[in-house]
């Protein structure tokens, strides 16, 4: 049993992403970070390739699911991606999407902001990344289980949350 959170809004990216950044980050949304449990910053050379070679139902070596390592966001995917124009980050509409602030922070710190972690990675995939983006905007969110209403706010690459209406104390 679980719950879902619904999101409304977007986070604007300035300057907009180039085609290589947009394509790579849209593919990254589908990657299974559970296949990289030992490195919270592990990234496949190109996420689309990993998506084709690792079916979503593949268990971890030795059986069972391989849960994300320390600092990684939820299993099995990231629920946020750039729009096709590369001007903003939007929610993919995924079910049981409950870690938006963590996922958005991961994307900004790893791939978008100046001096992002991937800027020193040395992988060919990031050769066309500019690492000069600023993310700003507001997303309204409502938890499906408690009906808590909150905002996710991005100001100059810093993601915070603000509760507007506390949720019900015991939804079950």
N, C-alpha and C. Protein backbone atom coordinates (compact mmCIF):
# COMPACT_ATOMS: atom_id res chain seq x y z
N UNK A 1 0.84 -1.16 0.00
CA UNK A 1 0.00 0.00 0.00
C UNK A 1 0.89 1.23 0.00
N UNK A 2 0.46 2.26 -0.63
CA UNK A 2 1.24 3.47 -0.70
C UNK A 2 0.35 4.64 -1.06
N UNK A 3 0.95 5.74 -1.31
CA UNK A 3 0.19 6.93 -1.67
C UNK A 3 0.90 7.65 -2.81
N UNK A 4 0.20 8.53 -3.44
CA UNK A 4 0.77 9.35 -4.51
C UNK A 4 0.61 10.81 -4.14
N UNK A 5 1.49 11.60 -4.67
CA UNK A 5 1.39 13.04 -4.53
C UNK A 5 1.16 13.61 -5.92
N UNK A 6 0.27 14.59 -6.02
CA UNK A 6 0.00 15.25 -7.30
C UNK A 6 0.70 16.60 -7.31
N UNK A 7 1.19 16.99 -8.48
CA UNK A 7 1.95 18.23 -8.62
C UNK A 7 1.36 19.09 -9.73
N UNK A 8 1.42 20.40 -9.53
CA UNK A 8 0.95 21.36 -10.52
C UNK A 8 1.97 22.48 -10.59
N UNK A 9 2.50 22.72 -11.76
CA UNK A 9 3.46 23.79 -11.95
C UNK A 9 4.71 23.28 -12.65
N UNK A 10 5.71 24.16 -12.71
CA UNK A 10 6.97 23.82 -13.38
C UNK A 10 8.07 24.67 -12.76
N UNK A 11 9.30 24.23 -13.02
CA UNK A 11 10.46 25.01 -12.61
C UNK A 11 11.17 25.45 -13.89
N UNK A 12 11.30 26.75 -14.08
CA UNK A 12 11.92 27.29 -15.29
C UNK A 12 13.44 27.14 -15.23
N UNK A 13 14.04 26.90 -16.39
CA UNK A 13 15.49 26.74 -16.53
C UNK A 13 16.00 27.87 -17.42
N UNK A 14 16.98 28.60 -16.90
CA UNK A 14 17.55 29.72 -17.65
C UNK A 14 19.08 29.64 -17.59
N UNK A 15 19.81 29.69 -18.67
CA UNK A 15 19.30 29.59 -20.03
C UNK A 15 18.73 28.20 -20.30
N UNK A 16 17.89 28.13 -21.30
CA UNK A 16 17.25 26.83 -21.60
C UNK A 16 18.32 25.80 -21.96
N UNK A 17 17.98 24.55 -21.76
CA UNK A 17 18.89 23.45 -22.06
C UNK A 17 19.14 23.34 -23.56
N UNK A 18 20.33 22.91 -23.94
CA UNK A 18 20.56 22.64 -25.35
C UNK A 18 19.98 21.26 -25.69
N UNK A 19 20.00 20.90 -26.96
CA UNK A 19 19.38 19.64 -27.39
C UNK A 19 20.01 18.42 -26.72
N UNK A 20 21.34 18.41 -26.59
CA UNK A 20 22.02 17.27 -25.98
C UNK A 20 21.61 17.12 -24.51
N UNK A 21 21.55 18.22 -23.78
CA UNK A 21 21.15 18.18 -22.38
C UNK A 21 19.71 17.71 -22.25
N UNK A 22 18.83 18.25 -23.08
CA UNK A 22 17.41 17.89 -23.02
C UNK A 22 17.22 16.40 -23.31
N UNK A 23 17.84 15.91 -24.36
CA UNK A 23 17.70 14.50 -24.73
C UNK A 23 18.23 13.59 -23.62
N UNK A 24 19.41 13.90 -23.10
CA UNK A 24 20.02 13.06 -22.09
C UNK A 24 19.19 13.03 -20.81
N UNK A 25 18.74 14.21 -20.36
CA UNK A 25 17.97 14.27 -19.11
C UNK A 25 16.59 13.66 -19.25
N UNK A 26 15.98 13.75 -20.43
CA UNK A 26 14.68 13.08 -20.64
C UNK A 26 14.87 11.56 -20.60
N UNK A 27 15.99 11.07 -21.12
CA UNK A 27 16.28 9.63 -21.05
C UNK A 27 16.62 9.22 -19.62
N UNK A 28 17.30 10.09 -18.88
CA UNK A 28 17.68 9.79 -17.50
C UNK A 28 16.45 9.50 -16.64
N UNK A 29 15.33 10.15 -16.92
CA UNK A 29 14.11 9.92 -16.14
C UNK A 29 13.75 8.43 -16.14
N UNK A 30 14.07 7.72 -17.19
CA UNK A 30 13.70 6.31 -17.29
C UNK A 30 14.75 5.36 -16.73
N UNK A 31 15.91 5.86 -16.35
CA UNK A 31 16.97 4.97 -15.91
C UNK A 31 16.65 4.32 -14.57
N UNK A 32 17.17 3.14 -14.37
CA UNK A 32 16.99 2.40 -13.13
C UNK A 32 18.20 2.64 -12.23
N UNK A 33 18.11 3.63 -11.37
CA UNK A 33 19.24 3.90 -10.48
C UNK A 33 19.45 2.75 -9.51
N UNK A 34 18.51 1.85 -9.40
CA UNK A 34 18.68 0.68 -8.54
C UNK A 34 19.78 -0.24 -9.06
N UNK A 35 20.16 -0.09 -10.32
CA UNK A 35 21.25 -0.91 -10.86
C UNK A 35 22.61 -0.32 -10.53
N UNK A 36 22.63 0.80 -9.79
CA UNK A 36 23.87 1.46 -9.40
C UNK A 36 23.85 1.70 -7.89
N UNK A 37 23.71 0.66 -7.08
CA UNK A 37 23.48 0.85 -5.64
C UNK A 37 24.67 1.37 -4.85
N UNK A 38 25.87 1.16 -5.33
CA UNK A 38 27.05 1.51 -4.54
C UNK A 38 27.51 2.95 -4.73
N UNK A 39 27.01 3.61 -5.74
CA UNK A 39 27.45 4.97 -6.04
C UNK A 39 26.23 5.87 -6.21
N UNK A 40 25.95 6.75 -5.24
CA UNK A 40 24.77 7.58 -5.35
C UNK A 40 24.80 8.53 -6.54
N UNK A 41 25.97 8.69 -7.15
CA UNK A 41 26.06 9.57 -8.31
C UNK A 41 26.35 8.79 -9.59
N UNK A 42 26.18 7.48 -9.55
CA UNK A 42 26.41 6.68 -10.75
C UNK A 42 25.40 7.07 -11.81
N UNK A 43 25.90 7.19 -13.00
CA UNK A 43 25.04 7.56 -14.13
C UNK A 43 25.47 6.70 -15.31
N UNK A 44 24.53 6.08 -16.01
CA UNK A 44 24.92 5.31 -17.20
C UNK A 44 25.45 6.25 -18.28
N UNK A 45 26.30 5.75 -19.15
CA UNK A 45 26.87 6.60 -20.18
C UNK A 45 25.78 7.26 -21.02
N UNK A 46 24.77 6.55 -21.38
CA UNK A 46 23.60 7.20 -21.96
C UNK A 46 22.38 6.46 -21.44
N UNK A 47 21.52 7.15 -20.71
CA UNK A 47 20.39 6.48 -20.07
C UNK A 47 19.50 5.70 -21.01
N UNK A 48 19.33 6.15 -22.25
CA UNK A 48 18.47 5.42 -23.18
C UNK A 48 19.02 4.02 -23.44
N UNK A 49 20.32 3.90 -23.50
CA UNK A 49 20.93 2.58 -23.72
C UNK A 49 20.64 1.67 -22.54
N UNK A 50 20.76 2.18 -21.32
CA UNK A 50 20.47 1.37 -20.15
C UNK A 50 19.01 0.95 -20.12
N UNK A 51 18.12 1.84 -20.50
CA UNK A 51 16.69 1.54 -20.50
C UNK A 51 16.39 0.36 -21.42
N UNK A 52 17.10 0.26 -22.53
CA UNK A 52 16.87 -0.85 -23.46
C UNK A 52 17.47 -2.15 -22.96
N UNK A 53 18.54 -2.09 -22.17
CA UNK A 53 19.22 -3.31 -21.75
C UNK A 53 18.82 -3.79 -20.37
N UNK A 54 18.12 -2.97 -19.58
CA UNK A 54 17.69 -3.35 -18.23
C UNK A 54 16.17 -3.20 -18.16
N UNK A 55 15.43 -4.29 -18.36
CA UNK A 55 13.98 -4.17 -18.24
C UNK A 55 13.58 -3.75 -16.83
N UNK A 56 12.46 -3.05 -16.72
CA UNK A 56 12.02 -2.51 -15.45
C UNK A 56 11.79 -3.58 -14.39
N UNK A 57 11.59 -4.81 -14.80
CA UNK A 57 11.30 -5.87 -13.84
C UNK A 57 12.55 -6.64 -13.41
N UNK A 58 13.71 -6.26 -13.89
CA UNK A 58 14.93 -7.01 -13.57
C UNK A 58 15.29 -6.88 -12.09
N UNK A 59 15.44 -7.99 -11.39
CA UNK A 59 15.82 -7.94 -9.98
C UNK A 59 17.32 -7.69 -9.83
N UNK A 60 17.72 -7.38 -8.64
CA UNK A 60 19.14 -7.18 -8.34
C UNK A 60 19.87 -8.51 -8.37
N UNK A 61 21.19 -8.48 -8.56
CA UNK A 61 21.96 -9.74 -8.50
C UNK A 61 21.69 -10.43 -7.16
N UNK A 62 21.47 -11.74 -7.21
CA UNK A 62 21.19 -12.50 -6.00
C UNK A 62 19.72 -12.51 -5.63
N UNK A 63 18.87 -11.89 -6.45
CA UNK A 63 17.44 -11.89 -6.19
C UNK A 63 16.99 -10.68 -5.39
N UNK A 64 15.73 -10.41 -5.43
CA UNK A 64 15.17 -9.27 -4.72
C UNK A 64 15.48 -7.97 -5.43
N UNK A 65 14.92 -6.90 -4.92
CA UNK A 65 15.17 -5.59 -5.52
C UNK A 65 16.42 -4.98 -4.94
N UNK A 66 17.13 -4.26 -5.76
CA UNK A 66 18.32 -3.55 -5.34
C UNK A 66 17.89 -2.11 -5.04
N UNK A 67 17.78 -1.76 -3.76
CA UNK A 67 17.31 -0.44 -3.37
C UNK A 67 18.39 0.60 -3.59
N UNK A 68 17.99 1.86 -3.79
CA UNK A 68 18.97 2.91 -4.04
C UNK A 68 19.96 3.06 -2.89
N UNK A 69 21.18 3.45 -3.25
CA UNK A 69 22.21 3.70 -2.25
C UNK A 69 22.00 5.04 -1.56
N UNK A 70 22.83 5.34 -0.60
CA UNK A 70 22.74 6.58 0.17
C UNK A 70 22.76 7.79 -0.76
N UNK A 71 21.81 8.68 -0.58
CA UNK A 71 21.76 9.90 -1.36
C UNK A 71 21.02 9.78 -2.67
N UNK A 72 20.62 8.59 -3.06
CA UNK A 72 19.90 8.43 -4.30
C UNK A 72 18.41 8.62 -4.06
N UNK A 73 17.72 9.00 -5.12
CA UNK A 73 16.28 9.17 -5.03
C UNK A 73 15.58 7.86 -5.32
N UNK A 74 14.27 7.88 -5.27
CA UNK A 74 13.44 6.68 -5.29
C UNK A 74 13.63 5.69 -6.41
N UNK A 75 13.11 4.54 -6.18
CA UNK A 75 13.14 3.41 -7.11
C UNK A 75 11.83 3.42 -7.88
N UNK A 76 11.77 3.19 -9.16
CA UNK A 76 12.92 2.89 -10.00
C UNK A 76 13.35 4.04 -10.89
N UNK A 77 12.75 5.19 -10.79
CA UNK A 77 13.02 6.24 -11.76
C UNK A 77 12.93 7.62 -11.12
N UNK A 78 13.29 8.62 -11.91
CA UNK A 78 13.10 10.01 -11.52
C UNK A 78 11.80 10.47 -12.18
N UNK A 79 10.92 11.11 -11.44
CA UNK A 79 9.63 11.52 -11.97
C UNK A 79 9.63 12.92 -12.56
N UNK A 80 10.80 13.50 -12.76
CA UNK A 80 10.91 14.86 -13.29
C UNK A 80 11.84 14.86 -14.48
N UNK A 81 11.49 15.68 -15.48
CA UNK A 81 12.29 15.76 -16.69
C UNK A 81 12.13 17.14 -17.31
N UNK A 82 13.07 17.51 -18.20
CA UNK A 82 12.87 18.77 -18.91
C UNK A 82 11.76 18.62 -19.95
N UNK A 83 11.08 19.71 -20.22
CA UNK A 83 10.11 19.69 -21.32
C UNK A 83 10.89 19.52 -22.63
N UNK A 84 10.20 19.24 -23.72
CA UNK A 84 10.89 18.99 -24.99
C UNK A 84 11.66 20.21 -25.47
N UNK A 85 11.27 21.41 -25.05
CA UNK A 85 11.98 22.62 -25.45
C UNK A 85 13.16 22.94 -24.54
N UNK A 86 13.29 22.23 -23.41
CA UNK A 86 14.40 22.44 -22.50
C UNK A 86 14.31 23.71 -21.67
N UNK A 87 13.11 24.27 -21.56
CA UNK A 87 12.97 25.54 -20.83
C UNK A 87 12.49 25.36 -19.40
N UNK A 88 12.08 24.14 -19.03
CA UNK A 88 11.58 23.94 -17.67
C UNK A 88 11.63 22.46 -17.29
N UNK A 89 11.54 22.20 -15.98
CA UNK A 89 11.41 20.85 -15.46
C UNK A 89 9.94 20.62 -15.14
N UNK A 90 9.42 19.47 -15.56
CA UNK A 90 8.01 19.16 -15.36
C UNK A 90 7.86 17.76 -14.77
N UNK A 91 6.75 17.53 -14.11
CA UNK A 91 6.43 16.23 -13.53
C UNK A 91 5.95 15.30 -14.63
N UNK A 92 6.39 14.07 -14.59
CA UNK A 92 6.01 13.09 -15.61
C UNK A 92 4.64 12.47 -15.36
N UNK A 93 4.06 12.73 -14.18
CA UNK A 93 2.76 12.15 -13.85
C UNK A 93 2.85 10.76 -13.28
N UNK A 94 4.03 10.37 -12.82
CA UNK A 94 4.23 9.03 -12.30
C UNK A 94 3.43 8.72 -11.04
N UNK A 95 2.98 7.49 -10.95
CA UNK A 95 2.25 7.03 -9.77
C UNK A 95 3.21 6.87 -8.60
N UNK A 96 2.72 7.11 -7.39
CA UNK A 96 3.51 7.02 -6.16
C UNK A 96 4.76 7.89 -6.24
N UNK A 97 4.59 9.06 -6.79
CA UNK A 97 5.65 10.04 -6.90
C UNK A 97 5.64 10.89 -5.64
N UNK A 98 6.56 10.64 -4.73
CA UNK A 98 6.50 11.28 -3.42
C UNK A 98 7.80 11.93 -2.96
N UNK A 99 8.79 12.00 -3.83
CA UNK A 99 10.09 12.53 -3.41
C UNK A 99 10.54 13.68 -4.32
N UNK A 100 9.62 14.53 -4.70
CA UNK A 100 9.92 15.58 -5.68
C UNK A 100 11.06 16.49 -5.26
N UNK A 101 11.03 17.00 -4.05
CA UNK A 101 12.08 17.95 -3.64
C UNK A 101 13.46 17.29 -3.71
N UNK A 102 13.55 16.03 -3.28
CA UNK A 102 14.82 15.31 -3.33
C UNK A 102 15.26 15.09 -4.78
N UNK A 103 14.33 14.68 -5.64
CA UNK A 103 14.66 14.42 -7.04
C UNK A 103 15.06 15.70 -7.76
N UNK A 104 14.34 16.78 -7.53
CA UNK A 104 14.67 18.05 -8.18
C UNK A 104 16.02 18.57 -7.72
N UNK A 105 16.30 18.44 -6.43
CA UNK A 105 17.60 18.84 -5.90
C UNK A 105 18.71 18.02 -6.57
N UNK A 106 18.48 16.72 -6.71
CA UNK A 106 19.46 15.84 -7.35
C UNK A 106 19.75 16.30 -8.77
N UNK A 107 18.69 16.58 -9.55
CA UNK A 107 18.88 17.02 -10.94
C UNK A 107 19.66 18.33 -11.01
N UNK A 108 19.29 19.29 -10.18
CA UNK A 108 19.96 20.60 -10.21
C UNK A 108 21.42 20.47 -9.79
N UNK A 109 21.67 19.80 -8.68
CA UNK A 109 23.04 19.70 -8.16
C UNK A 109 23.94 18.84 -9.02
N UNK A 110 23.37 17.83 -9.64
CA UNK A 110 24.18 16.89 -10.42
C UNK A 110 24.40 17.34 -11.85
N UNK A 111 23.39 17.96 -12.49
CA UNK A 111 23.45 18.18 -13.94
C UNK A 111 23.27 19.62 -14.41
N UNK A 112 22.67 20.49 -13.64
CA UNK A 112 22.25 21.77 -14.19
C UNK A 112 23.04 22.99 -13.72
N UNK A 113 23.22 23.15 -12.45
CA UNK A 113 23.78 24.39 -11.90
C UNK A 113 25.24 24.56 -12.29
N UNK A 114 25.74 25.79 -12.17
CA UNK A 114 27.18 25.98 -12.36
C UNK A 114 27.95 25.10 -11.37
N UNK A 115 29.01 24.50 -11.86
CA UNK A 115 29.85 23.59 -11.09
C UNK A 115 29.08 22.37 -10.57
N UNK A 116 28.11 21.91 -11.35
CA UNK A 116 27.35 20.71 -11.00
C UNK A 116 28.30 19.52 -10.91
N UNK A 117 27.93 18.53 -10.14
CA UNK A 117 28.80 17.37 -9.91
C UNK A 117 29.24 16.69 -11.21
N UNK A 118 28.35 16.58 -12.18
CA UNK A 118 28.70 15.90 -13.44
C UNK A 118 29.70 16.71 -14.27
N UNK A 119 29.89 17.99 -13.95
CA UNK A 119 30.82 18.82 -14.73
C UNK A 119 32.26 18.34 -14.58
N UNK A 120 32.56 17.59 -13.53
CA UNK A 120 33.91 17.06 -13.34
C UNK A 120 33.96 15.55 -13.55
N UNK A 121 32.89 14.99 -14.08
CA UNK A 121 32.79 13.54 -14.25
C UNK A 121 33.74 13.02 -15.33
N UNK A 122 33.97 13.81 -16.38
CA UNK A 122 34.87 13.40 -17.45
C UNK A 122 34.28 12.47 -18.48
N UNK A 123 33.00 12.16 -18.38
CA UNK A 123 32.38 11.25 -19.34
C UNK A 123 32.03 12.01 -20.62
N UNK A 124 32.16 11.31 -21.75
CA UNK A 124 31.84 11.91 -23.04
C UNK A 124 30.40 12.39 -23.12
N UNK A 125 29.49 11.72 -22.41
CA UNK A 125 28.08 12.11 -22.46
C UNK A 125 27.88 13.56 -22.04
N UNK A 126 28.76 14.09 -21.21
CA UNK A 126 28.58 15.44 -20.69
C UNK A 126 29.38 16.49 -21.44
N UNK A 127 29.99 16.11 -22.55
CA UNK A 127 30.82 17.05 -23.32
C UNK A 127 30.01 18.27 -23.79
N UNK A 128 28.75 18.07 -24.12
CA UNK A 128 27.92 19.18 -24.62
C UNK A 128 27.09 19.85 -23.52
N UNK A 129 27.23 19.40 -22.28
CA UNK A 129 26.52 20.05 -21.17
C UNK A 129 27.22 21.37 -20.85
N UNK A 130 26.44 22.39 -20.56
CA UNK A 130 27.02 23.71 -20.29
C UNK A 130 27.18 23.99 -18.80
N UNK A 131 26.41 23.31 -17.95
CA UNK A 131 26.48 23.49 -16.50
C UNK A 131 26.43 24.97 -16.11
N UNK A 132 25.50 25.70 -16.72
CA UNK A 132 25.37 27.13 -16.44
C UNK A 132 23.92 27.54 -16.20
N UNK A 133 23.11 26.61 -15.76
CA UNK A 133 21.67 26.85 -15.66
C UNK A 133 21.25 27.31 -14.26
N UNK A 134 20.17 28.07 -14.24
CA UNK A 134 19.55 28.51 -12.99
C UNK A 134 18.10 28.06 -13.04
N UNK A 135 17.66 27.43 -11.97
CA UNK A 135 16.31 26.88 -11.89
C UNK A 135 15.52 27.71 -10.88
N UNK A 136 14.35 28.18 -11.33
CA UNK A 136 13.47 29.00 -10.50
C UNK A 136 12.02 28.63 -10.80
N UNK A 137 11.17 28.68 -9.78
CA UNK A 137 9.75 28.45 -10.00
C UNK A 137 9.07 27.89 -8.77
N UNK A 138 7.78 27.62 -8.92
CA UNK A 138 6.98 27.10 -7.81
C UNK A 138 6.09 25.98 -8.33
N UNK A 139 6.00 24.93 -7.54
CA UNK A 139 5.13 23.80 -7.83
C UNK A 139 4.23 23.59 -6.62
N UNK A 140 2.93 23.49 -6.86
CA UNK A 140 1.99 23.15 -5.80
C UNK A 140 1.86 21.63 -5.74
N UNK A 141 1.76 21.09 -4.54
CA UNK A 141 1.68 19.64 -4.37
C UNK A 141 0.65 19.28 -3.31
N UNK A 142 -0.01 18.13 -3.52
CA UNK A 142 -0.95 17.61 -2.53
C UNK A 142 -0.72 16.12 -2.37
N UNK A 143 -0.47 15.71 -1.12
CA UNK A 143 -0.31 14.29 -0.80
C UNK A 143 -1.68 13.61 -0.87
N UNK A 144 -1.72 12.45 -1.49
CA UNK A 144 -2.98 11.73 -1.63
C UNK A 144 -3.47 11.08 -0.36
N UNK A 145 -2.57 10.77 0.57
CA UNK A 145 -2.99 10.07 1.78
C UNK A 145 -3.45 11.03 2.88
N UNK A 146 -2.73 12.11 3.08
CA UNK A 146 -3.07 13.02 4.19
C UNK A 146 -3.72 14.32 3.73
N UNK A 147 -3.69 14.58 2.46
CA UNK A 147 -4.20 15.81 1.84
C UNK A 147 -3.37 17.04 2.23
N UNK A 148 -2.15 16.81 2.72
CA UNK A 148 -1.25 17.94 3.00
C UNK A 148 -1.04 18.71 1.71
N UNK A 149 -1.14 20.02 1.78
CA UNK A 149 -0.92 20.89 0.64
C UNK A 149 0.37 21.67 0.89
N UNK A 150 1.29 21.62 -0.07
CA UNK A 150 2.57 22.29 0.12
C UNK A 150 3.12 22.81 -1.19
N UNK A 151 4.09 23.68 -1.09
CA UNK A 151 4.77 24.23 -2.26
C UNK A 151 6.19 23.71 -2.31
N UNK A 152 6.67 23.49 -3.52
CA UNK A 152 8.08 23.23 -3.77
C UNK A 152 8.58 24.49 -4.48
N UNK A 153 9.53 25.15 -3.86
CA UNK A 153 10.00 26.44 -4.38
C UNK A 153 11.46 26.30 -4.80
N UNK A 154 11.76 26.77 -6.02
CA UNK A 154 13.15 26.81 -6.50
C UNK A 154 13.53 28.28 -6.68
N UNK A 155 14.58 28.68 -6.00
CA UNK A 155 15.12 30.03 -6.16
C UNK A 155 16.62 29.91 -6.36
N UNK A 156 17.05 30.29 -7.55
CA UNK A 156 18.47 30.25 -7.91
C UNK A 156 19.11 28.91 -7.52
N UNK A 157 18.50 27.83 -7.98
CA UNK A 157 19.00 26.46 -7.84
C UNK A 157 18.88 25.86 -6.45
N UNK A 158 18.18 26.51 -5.54
CA UNK A 158 17.96 25.95 -4.21
C UNK A 158 16.49 25.54 -4.11
N UNK A 159 16.26 24.27 -3.78
CA UNK A 159 14.91 23.71 -3.70
C UNK A 159 14.50 23.64 -2.23
N UNK A 160 13.34 24.22 -1.90
CA UNK A 160 12.80 24.16 -0.55
C UNK A 160 11.33 23.78 -0.63
N UNK A 161 10.77 23.41 0.51
CA UNK A 161 9.33 23.14 0.59
C UNK A 161 8.71 24.02 1.65
N UNK A 162 7.43 24.30 1.45
CA UNK A 162 6.69 25.13 2.40
C UNK A 162 5.29 24.53 2.55
N UNK A 163 4.93 24.09 3.75
CA UNK A 163 3.61 23.53 4.00
C UNK A 163 2.58 24.65 4.07
N UNK A 164 1.51 24.53 3.30
CA UNK A 164 0.43 25.50 3.32
C UNK A 164 -0.70 25.05 4.22
N UNK A 165 -1.08 23.78 4.11
CA UNK A 165 -2.13 23.20 4.94
C UNK A 165 -1.62 21.86 5.44
N UNK A 166 -1.44 21.71 6.75
CA UNK A 166 -0.97 20.42 7.28
C UNK A 166 -1.95 19.31 6.92
N UNK A 167 -1.42 18.13 6.77
CA UNK A 167 -2.27 17.00 6.44
C UNK A 167 -3.04 16.46 7.62
N UNK A 168 -3.98 15.56 7.32
CA UNK A 168 -4.72 14.87 8.37
C UNK A 168 -3.74 14.07 9.21
N UNK A 169 -3.97 13.98 10.50
CA UNK A 169 -3.02 13.33 11.39
C UNK A 169 -2.95 11.82 11.20
N UNK A 170 -4.06 11.16 10.94
CA UNK A 170 -4.04 9.70 10.78
C UNK A 170 -4.96 9.32 9.63
N UNK A 171 -4.43 9.29 8.41
CA UNK A 171 -5.27 9.03 7.24
C UNK A 171 -5.83 7.60 7.20
N UNK A 172 -5.22 6.68 7.92
CA UNK A 172 -5.67 5.29 7.83
C UNK A 172 -6.60 4.99 8.97
